[in-house]
Amino acid sequence: MGSKACHLGDTVNPSRAFDQVIAGDPTSLISLVYRAQIELDRKNYKKSKKFIDTAIHVDSRAPMPWYLRGRLFSEQKDLRN
């Protein structure tokens, strides 16, 4: 339910579903990654960073949290300078 709806553009319902999973299992890597991506897409960088950092702590070898961290840094950079 959660990831499919997220891929279809709905972020409210998947956010709730992933939050429920994370509440029950704070080490759910896939849920942490999707929540980070949702917050990044919403430009909520502080929340996104929290989920990214937690995902990296859960599994530092997983590539998606590192990819999202790169996106986060890229989006926060002021390219006018």
PDB file of N, CA and C in Angstrom:
ATOM      1  N   MET A   1       0.823  -1.191   0.000  1.00  0.00           N
ATOM      2  CA  MET A   1       0.000   0.000   0.000  1.00  0.00           C
ATOM      3  C   MET A   1       0.867   1.255   0.000  1.00  0.00           C
ATOM      4  N   GLY A   2       1.729   1.392   0.995  1.00  0.00           N
ATOM      5  CA  GLY A   2       2.484   2.618   1.182  1.00  0.00           C
ATOM      6  C   GLY A   2       3.351   3.010   0.011  1.00  0.00           C
ATOM      7  N   SER A   3       4.251   2.123  -0.417  1.00  0.00           N
ATOM      8  CA  SER A   3       5.178   2.504  -1.482  1.00  0.00           C
ATOM      9  C   SER A   3       4.480   2.675  -2.821  1.00  0.00           C
ATOM     10  N   LYS A   4       3.470   1.867  -3.116  1.00  0.00           N
ATOM     11  CA  LYS A   4       2.750   2.000  -4.390  1.00  0.00           C
ATOM     12  C   LYS A   4       2.049   3.357  -4.470  1.00  0.00           C
ATOM     13  N   ALA A   5       1.360   3.744  -3.403  1.00  0.00           N
ATOM     14  CA  ALA A   5       0.673   5.038  -3.396  1.00  0.00           C
ATOM     15  C   ALA A   5       1.671   6.174  -3.516  1.00  0.00           C
ATOM     16  N   CYS A   6       2.820   6.019  -2.859  1.00  0.00           N
ATOM     17  CA  CYS A   6       3.855   7.049  -2.921  1.00  0.00           C
ATOM     18  C   CYS A   6       4.348   7.213  -4.355  1.00  0.00           C
ATOM     19  N   HIS A   7       4.533   6.100  -5.047  1.00  0.00           N
ATOM     20  CA  HIS A   7       4.993   6.166  -6.432  1.00  0.00           C
ATOM     21  C   HIS A   7       3.943   6.779  -7.356  1.00  0.00           C
ATOM     22  N   LEU A   8       2.684   6.745  -6.928  1.00  0.00           N
ATOM     23  CA  LEU A   8       1.610   7.322  -7.729  1.00  0.00           C
ATOM     24  C   LEU A   8       1.377   8.794  -7.392  1.00  0.00           C
ATOM     25  N   GLY A   9       2.171   9.363  -6.488  1.00  0.00           N
ATOM     26  CA  GLY A   9       2.073  10.785  -6.185  1.00  0.00           C
ATOM     27  C   GLY A   9       1.421  11.122  -4.865  1.00  0.00           C
ATOM     28  N   ASP A  10       0.775  10.167  -4.235  1.00  0.00           N
ATOM     29  CA  ASP A  10       0.163  10.409  -2.926  1.00  0.00           C
ATOM     30  C   ASP A  10       1.250  10.302  -1.868  1.00  0.00           C
ATOM     31  N   THR A  11       1.413  11.338  -1.055  1.00  0.00           N
ATOM     32  CA  THR A  11       2.427  11.266   0.001  1.00  0.00           C
ATOM     33  C   THR A  11       1.828  11.290   1.401  1.00  0.00           C
ATOM     34  N   VAL A  12       0.583  11.727   1.539  1.00  0.00           N
ATOM     35  CA  VAL A  12      -0.017  11.822   2.872  1.00  0.00           C
ATOM     36  C   VAL A  12      -0.287  10.434   3.444  1.00  0.00           C
ATOM     37  N   ASN A  13      -1.015   9.613   2.699  1.00  0.00           N
ATOM     38  CA  ASN A  13      -1.333   8.276   3.197  1.00  0.00           C
ATOM     39  C   ASN A  13      -0.087   7.411   3.377  1.00  0.00           C
ATOM     40  N   PRO A  14       0.836   7.399   2.416  1.00  0.00           N
ATOM     41  CA  PRO A  14       2.058   6.623   2.634  1.00  0.00           C
ATOM     42  C   PRO A  14       2.861   7.116   3.843  1.00  0.00           C
ATOM     43  N   SER A  15       2.904   8.420   4.066  1.00  0.00           N
ATOM     44  CA  SER A  15       3.624   8.946   5.228  1.00  0.00           C
ATOM     45  C   SER A  15       3.082   8.340   6.507  1.00  0.00           C
ATOM     46  N   ARG A  16       1.774   8.318   6.610  1.00  0.00           N
ATOM     47  CA  ARG A  16       1.135   7.734   7.802  1.00  0.00           C
ATOM     48  C   ARG A  16       1.460   6.251   7.933  1.00  0.00           C
ATOM     49  N   ALA A  17       1.369   5.537   6.822  1.00  0.00           N
ATOM     50  CA  ALA A  17       1.647   4.098   6.858  1.00  0.00           C
ATOM     51  C   ALA A  17       3.098   3.827   7.250  1.00  0.00           C
ATOM     52  N   PHE A  18       4.031   4.571   6.655  1.00  0.00           N
ATOM     53  CA  PHE A  18       5.435   4.373   6.993  1.00  0.00           C
ATOM     54  C   PHE A  18       5.717   4.781   8.441  1.00  0.00           C
ATOM     55  N   ASP A  19       5.056   5.839   8.915  1.00  0.00           N
ATOM     56  CA  ASP A  19       5.221   6.254  10.312  1.00  0.00           C
ATOM     57  C   ASP A  19       4.751   5.157  11.266  1.00  0.00           C
ATOM     58  N   GLN A  20       3.665   4.485  10.910  1.00  0.00           N
ATOM     59  CA  GLN A  20       3.173   3.379  11.737  1.00  0.00           C
ATOM     60  C   GLN A  20       4.178   2.237  11.783  1.00  0.00           C
ATOM     61  N   VAL A  21       4.764   1.929  10.635  1.00  0.00           N
ATOM     62  CA  VAL A  21       5.765   0.865  10.594  1.00  0.00           C
ATOM     63  C   VAL A  21       6.969   1.252  11.442  1.00  0.00           C
ATOM     64  N   ILE A  22       7.430   2.489  11.288  1.00  0.00           N
ATOM     65  CA  ILE A  22       8.599   2.963  12.035  1.00  0.00           C
ATOM     66  C   ILE A  22       8.306   2.967  13.537  1.00  0.00           C
ATOM     67  N   ALA A  23       7.074   3.299  13.925  1.00  0.00           N
ATOM     68  CA  ALA A  23       6.711   3.278  15.350  1.00  0.00           C
ATOM     69  C   ALA A  23       6.838   1.869  15.918  1.00  0.00           C
ATOM     70  N   GLY A  24       6.486   0.874  15.116  1.00  0.00           N
ATOM     71  CA  GLY A  24       6.589  -0.512  15.554  1.00  0.00           C
ATOM     72  C   GLY A  24       7.975  -1.088  15.395  1.00  0.00           C
ATOM     73  N   ASP A  25       8.710  -0.597  14.399  1.00  0.00           N
ATOM     74  CA  ASP A  25      10.063  -1.080  14.129  1.00  0.00           C
ATOM     75  C   ASP A  25      10.926   0.089  13.670  1.00  0.00           C
ATOM     76  N   PRO A  26      11.586   0.757  14.612  1.00  0.00           N
ATOM     77  CA  PRO A  26      12.393   1.926  14.256  1.00  0.00           C
ATOM     78  C   PRO A  26      13.603   1.610  13.378  1.00  0.00           C
ATOM     79  N   THR A  27      13.823   0.332  13.077  1.00  0.00           N
ATOM     80  CA  THR A  27      14.941  -0.053  12.213  1.00  0.00           C
ATOM     81  C   THR A  27      14.472  -0.489  10.825  1.00  0.00           C
ATOM     82  N   SER A  28      13.222  -0.191  10.484  1.00  0.00           N
ATOM     83  CA  SER A  28      12.688  -0.559   9.168  1.00  0.00           C
ATOM     84  C   SER A  28      13.329   0.332   8.101  1.00  0.00           C
ATOM     85  N   LEU A  29      14.367  -0.174   7.479  1.00  0.00           N
ATOM     86  CA  LEU A  29      15.148   0.604   6.528  1.00  0.00           C
ATOM     87  C   LEU A  29      14.301   1.138   5.377  1.00  0.00           C
ATOM     88  N   ILE A  30      13.472   0.298   4.790  1.00  0.00           N
ATOM     89  CA  ILE A  30      12.676   0.736   3.643  1.00  0.00           C
ATOM     90  C   ILE A  30      11.711   1.859   4.037  1.00  0.00           C
ATOM     91  N   SER A  31      11.120   1.767   5.223  1.00  0.00           N
ATOM     92  CA  SER A  31      10.213   2.815   5.686  1.00  0.00           C
ATOM     93  C   SER A  31      10.963   4.113   5.948  1.00  0.00           C
ATOM     94  N   LEU A  32      12.135   4.017   6.547  1.00  0.00           N
ATOM     95  CA  LEU A  32      12.953   5.214   6.801  1.00  0.00           C
ATOM     96  C   LEU A  32      13.361   5.884   5.493  1.00  0.00           C
ATOM     97  N   VAL A  33      13.729   5.077   4.510  1.00  0.00           N
ATOM     98  CA  VAL A  33      14.150   5.616   3.214  1.00  0.00           C
ATOM     99  C   VAL A  33      12.981   6.301   2.513  1.00  0.00           C
ATOM    100  N   TYR A  34      11.816   5.649   2.496  1.00  0.00           N
ATOM    101  CA  TYR A  34      10.657   6.282   1.864  1.00  0.00           C
ATOM    102  C   TYR A  34      10.265   7.564   2.577  1.00  0.00           C
ATOM    103  N   ARG A  35      10.304   7.574   3.909  1.00  0.00           N
ATOM    104  CA  ARG A  35       9.954   8.801   4.648  1.00  0.00           C
ATOM    105  C   ARG A  35      10.952   9.908   4.339  1.00  0.00           C
ATOM    106  N   ALA A  36      12.225   9.558   4.245  1.00  0.00           N
ATOM    107  CA  ALA A  36      13.240  10.556   3.887  1.00  0.00           C
ATOM    108  C   ALA A  36      12.960  11.122   2.505  1.00  0.00           C
ATOM    109  N   GLN A  37      12.618  10.253   1.569  1.00  0.00           N
ATOM    110  CA  GLN A  37      12.346  10.690   0.199  1.00  0.00           C
ATOM    111  C   GLN A  37      11.106  11.581   0.141  1.00  0.00           C
ATOM    112  N   ILE A  38      10.073  11.210   0.872  1.00  0.00           N
ATOM    113  CA  ILE A  38       8.848  12.020   0.894  1.00  0.00           C
ATOM    114  C   ILE A  38       9.157  13.417   1.432  1.00  0.00           C
ATOM    115  N   GLU A  39       9.878  13.488   2.546  1.00  0.00           N
ATOM    116  CA  GLU A  39      10.191  14.799   3.123  1.00  0.00           C
ATOM    117  C   GLU A  39      11.127  15.602   2.219  1.00  0.00           C
ATOM    118  N   LEU A  40      12.024  14.929   1.545  1.00  0.00           N
ATOM    119  CA  LEU A  40      12.907  15.609   0.596  1.00  0.00           C
ATOM    120  C   LEU A  40      12.090  16.188  -0.556  1.00  0.00           C
ATOM    121  N   ASP A  41      11.141  15.411  -1.073  1.00  0.00           N
ATOM    122  CA  ASP A  41      10.267  15.896  -2.145  1.00  0.00           C
ATOM    123  C   ASP A  41       9.413  17.073  -1.691  1.00  0.00           C
ATOM    124  N   ARG A  42       9.066  17.093  -0.418  1.00  0.00           N
ATOM    125  CA  ARG A  42       8.282  18.193   0.154  1.00  0.00           C
ATOM    126  C   ARG A  42       9.160  19.403   0.507  1.00  0.00           C
ATOM    127  N   LYS A  43      10.460  19.256   0.320  1.00  0.00           N
ATOM    128  CA  LYS A  43      11.440  20.305   0.664  1.00  0.00           C
ATOM    129  C   LYS A  43      11.518  20.537   2.174  1.00  0.00           C
ATOM    130  N   ASN A  44      11.158  19.528   2.937  1.00  0.00           N
ATOM    131  CA  ASN A  44      11.260  19.584   4.390  1.00  0.00           C
ATOM    132  C   ASN A  44      12.599  18.942   4.756  1.00  0.00           C
ATOM    133  N   TYR A  45      13.660  19.722   4.581  1.00  0.00           N
ATOM    134  CA  TYR A  45      15.021  19.201   4.664  1.00  0.00           C
ATOM    135  C   TYR A  45      15.409  18.715   6.061  1.00  0.00           C
ATOM    136  N   LYS A  46      14.935  19.386   7.084  1.00  0.00           N
ATOM    137  CA  LYS A  46      15.297  18.989   8.444  1.00  0.00           C
ATOM    138  C   LYS A  46      14.735  17.601   8.771  1.00  0.00           C
ATOM    139  N   LYS A  47      13.474  17.373   8.434  1.00  0.00           N
ATOM    140  CA  LYS A  47      12.862  16.062   8.668  1.00  0.00           C
ATOM    141  C   LYS A  47      13.515  14.995   7.800  1.00  0.00           C
ATOM    142  N   SER A  48      13.778  15.343   6.548  1.00  0.00           N
ATOM    143  CA  SER A  48      14.412  14.396   5.647  1.00  0.00           C
ATOM    144  C   SER A  48      15.760  13.956   6.191  1.00  0.00           C
ATOM    145  N   LYS A  49      16.546  14.911   6.666  1.00  0.00           N
ATOM    146  CA  LYS A  49      17.872  14.601   7.208  1.00  0.00           C
ATOM    147  C   LYS A  49      17.769  13.651   8.392  1.00  0.00           C
ATOM    148  N   LYS A  50      16.756  13.850   9.229  1.00  0.00           N
ATOM    149  CA  LYS A  50      16.558  12.970  10.387  1.00  0.00           C
ATOM    150  C   LYS A  50      16.334  11.524   9.934  1.00  0.00           C
ATOM    151  N   PHE A  51      15.473  11.336   8.943  1.00  0.00           N
ATOM    152  CA  PHE A  51      15.208   9.983   8.448  1.00  0.00           C
ATOM    153  C   PHE A  51      16.437   9.398   7.744  1.00  0.00           C
ATOM    154  N   ILE A  52      17.141  10.226   6.976  1.00  0.00           N
ATOM    155  CA  ILE A  52      18.352   9.760   6.287  1.00  0.00           C
ATOM    156  C   ILE A  52      19.405   9.325   7.295  1.00  0.00           C
ATOM    157  N   ASP A  53      19.657  10.154   8.290  1.00  0.00           N
ATOM    158  CA  ASP A  53      20.665   9.824   9.298  1.00  0.00           C
ATOM    159  C   ASP A  53      20.312   8.548  10.052  1.00  0.00           C
ATOM    160  N   THR A  54      19.033   8.384  10.363  1.00  0.00           N
ATOM    161  CA  THR A  54      18.598   7.163  11.053  1.00  0.00           C
ATOM    162  C   THR A  54      18.792   5.947  10.161  1.00  0.00           C
ATOM    163  N   ALA A  55      18.446   6.071   8.882  1.00  0.00           N
ATOM    164  CA  ALA A  55      18.607   4.951   7.943  1.00  0.00           C
ATOM    165  C   ALA A  55      20.083   4.571   7.810  1.00  0.00           C
ATOM    166  N   ILE A  56      20.955   5.556   7.743  1.00  0.00           N
ATOM    167  CA  ILE A  56      22.393   5.265   7.647  1.00  0.00           C
ATOM    168  C   ILE A  56      22.881   4.581   8.913  1.00  0.00           C
ATOM    169  N   HIS A  57      22.352   4.997  10.050  1.00  0.00           N
ATOM    170  CA  HIS A  57      22.726   4.359  11.319  1.00  0.00           C
ATOM    171  C   HIS A  57      22.259   2.898  11.349  1.00  0.00           C
ATOM    172  N   VAL A  58      21.074   2.645  10.786  1.00  0.00           N
ATOM    173  CA  VAL A  58      20.529   1.285  10.755  1.00  0.00           C
ATOM    174  C   VAL A  58      21.375   0.377   9.865  1.00  0.00           C
ATOM    175  N   ASP A  59      21.762   0.871   8.674  1.00  0.00           N
ATOM    176  CA  ASP A  59      22.576   0.068   7.754  1.00  0.00           C
ATOM    177  C   ASP A  59      23.450   0.998   6.922  1.00  0.00           C
ATOM    178  N   SER A  60      24.662   1.176   7.369  1.00  0.00           N
ATOM    179  CA  SER A  60      25.573   2.124   6.708  1.00  0.00           C
ATOM    180  C   SER A  60      26.018   1.663   5.320  1.00  0.00           C
ATOM    181  N   ARG A  61      25.722   0.418   4.974  1.00  0.00           N
ATOM    182  CA  ARG A  61      26.109  -0.084   3.644  1.00  0.00           C
ATOM    183  C   ARG A  61      24.995   0.033   2.617  1.00  0.00           C
ATOM    184  N   ALA A  62      23.795   0.389   3.062  1.00  0.00           N
ATOM    185  CA  ALA A  62      22.667   0.519   2.135  1.00  0.00           C
ATOM    186  C   ALA A  62      22.873   1.754   1.254  1.00  0.00           C
ATOM    187  N   PRO A  63      22.719   1.630  -0.058  1.00  0.00           N
ATOM    188  CA  PRO A  63      23.015   2.748  -0.948  1.00  0.00           C
ATOM    189  C   PRO A  63      21.967   3.867  -0.962  1.00  0.00           C
ATOM    190  N   MET A  64      20.686   3.547  -0.780  1.00  0.00           N
ATOM    191  CA  MET A  64      19.652   4.577  -0.918  1.00  0.00           C
ATOM    192  C   MET A  64      19.783   5.729   0.077  1.00  0.00           C
ATOM    193  N   PRO A  65      20.055   5.461   1.353  1.00  0.00           N
ATOM    194  CA  PRO A  65      20.210   6.608   2.260  1.00  0.00           C
ATOM    195  C   PRO A  65      21.353   7.537   1.836  1.00  0.00           C
ATOM    196  N   TRP A  66      22.424   6.969   1.316  1.00  0.00           N
ATOM    197  CA  TRP A  66      23.554   7.790   0.850  1.00  0.00           C
ATOM    198  C   TRP A  66      23.166   8.593  -0.390  1.00  0.00           C
ATOM    199  N   TYR A  67      22.407   7.982  -1.275  1.00  0.00           N
ATOM    200  CA  TYR A  67      21.915   8.697  -2.453  1.00  0.00           C
ATOM    201  C   TYR A  67      21.030   9.874  -2.022  1.00  0.00           C
ATOM    202  N   LEU A  68      20.115   9.606  -1.085  1.00  0.00           N
ATOM    203  CA  LEU A  68      19.230  10.663  -0.610  1.00  0.00           C
ATOM    204  C   LEU A  68      20.006  11.756   0.114  1.00  0.00           C
ATOM    205  N   ARG A  69      21.058  11.382   0.818  1.00  0.00           N
ATOM    206  CA  ARG A  69      21.891  12.390   1.470  1.00  0.00           C
ATOM    207  C   ARG A  69      22.532  13.301   0.415  1.00  0.00           C
ATOM    208  N   GLY A  70      23.001  12.721  -0.669  1.00  0.00           N
ATOM    209  CA  GLY A  70      23.562  13.513  -1.760  1.00  0.00           C
ATOM    210  C   GLY A  70      22.539  14.449  -2.364  1.00  0.00           C
ATOM    211  N   ARG A  71      21.317  13.949  -2.580  1.00  0.00           N
ATOM    212  CA  ARG A  71      20.235  14.810  -3.087  1.00  0.00           C
ATOM    213  C   ARG A  71      19.936  15.945  -2.127  1.00  0.00           C
ATOM    214  N   LEU A  72      19.912  15.610  -0.832  1.00  0.00           N
ATOM    215  CA  LEU A  72      19.645  16.621   0.188  1.00  0.00           C
ATOM    216  C   LEU A  72      20.684  17.728   0.130  1.00  0.00           C
ATOM    217  N   PHE A  73      21.955  17.353   0.122  1.00  0.00           N
ATOM    218  CA  PHE A  73      23.021  18.346   0.071  1.00  0.00           C
ATOM    219  C   PHE A  73      22.950  19.160  -1.217  1.00  0.00           C
ATOM    220  N   SER A  74      22.654  18.509  -2.325  1.00  0.00           N
ATOM    221  CA  SER A  74      22.567  19.189  -3.612  1.00  0.00           C
ATOM    222  C   SER A  74      21.419  20.199  -3.610  1.00  0.00           C
ATOM    223  N   GLU A  75      20.283  19.825  -3.079  1.00  0.00           N
ATOM    224  CA  GLU A  75      19.127  20.716  -3.070  1.00  0.00           C
ATOM    225  C   GLU A  75      19.310  21.875  -2.100  1.00  0.00           C
ATOM    226  N   GLN A  76      20.086  21.686  -1.067  1.00  0.00           N
ATOM    227  CA  GLN A  76      20.289  22.751  -0.095  1.00  0.00           C
ATOM    228  C   GLN A  76      21.371  23.740  -0.530  1.00  0.00           C
ATOM    229  N   LYS A  77      22.171  23.359  -1.494  1.00  0.00           N
ATOM    230  CA  LYS A  77      23.269  24.216  -1.938  1.00  0.00           C
ATOM    231  C   LYS A  77      22.729  25.410  -2.703  1.00  0.00           C
ATOM    232  N   ASP A  78      23.287  26.566  -2.424  1.00  0.00           N
ATOM    233  CA  ASP A  78      22.907  27.785  -3.130  1.00  0.00           C
ATOM    234  C   ASP A  78      23.803  27.876  -4.371  1.00  0.00           C
ATOM    235  N   LEU A  79      23.216  27.610  -5.527  1.00  0.00           N
ATOM    236  CA  LEU A  79      23.999  27.561  -6.764  1.00  0.00           C
ATOM    237  C   LEU A  79      24.239  28.942  -7.377  1.00  0.00           C
ATOM    238  N   ARG A  80      23.728  29.987  -6.765  1.00  0.00           N
ATOM    239  CA  ARG A  80      23.923  31.340  -7.306  1.00  0.00           C
ATOM    240  C   ARG A  80      25.340  31.861  -7.039  1.00  0.00           C
ATOM    241  N   ASN A  81      26.042  31.281  -6.098  1.00  0.00           N
ATOM    242  CA  ASN A  81      27.392  31.762  -5.749  1.00  0.00           C
ATOM    243  C   ASN A  81      28.473  31.000  -6.492  1.00  0.00           C
TER     244      ASN A  81
END
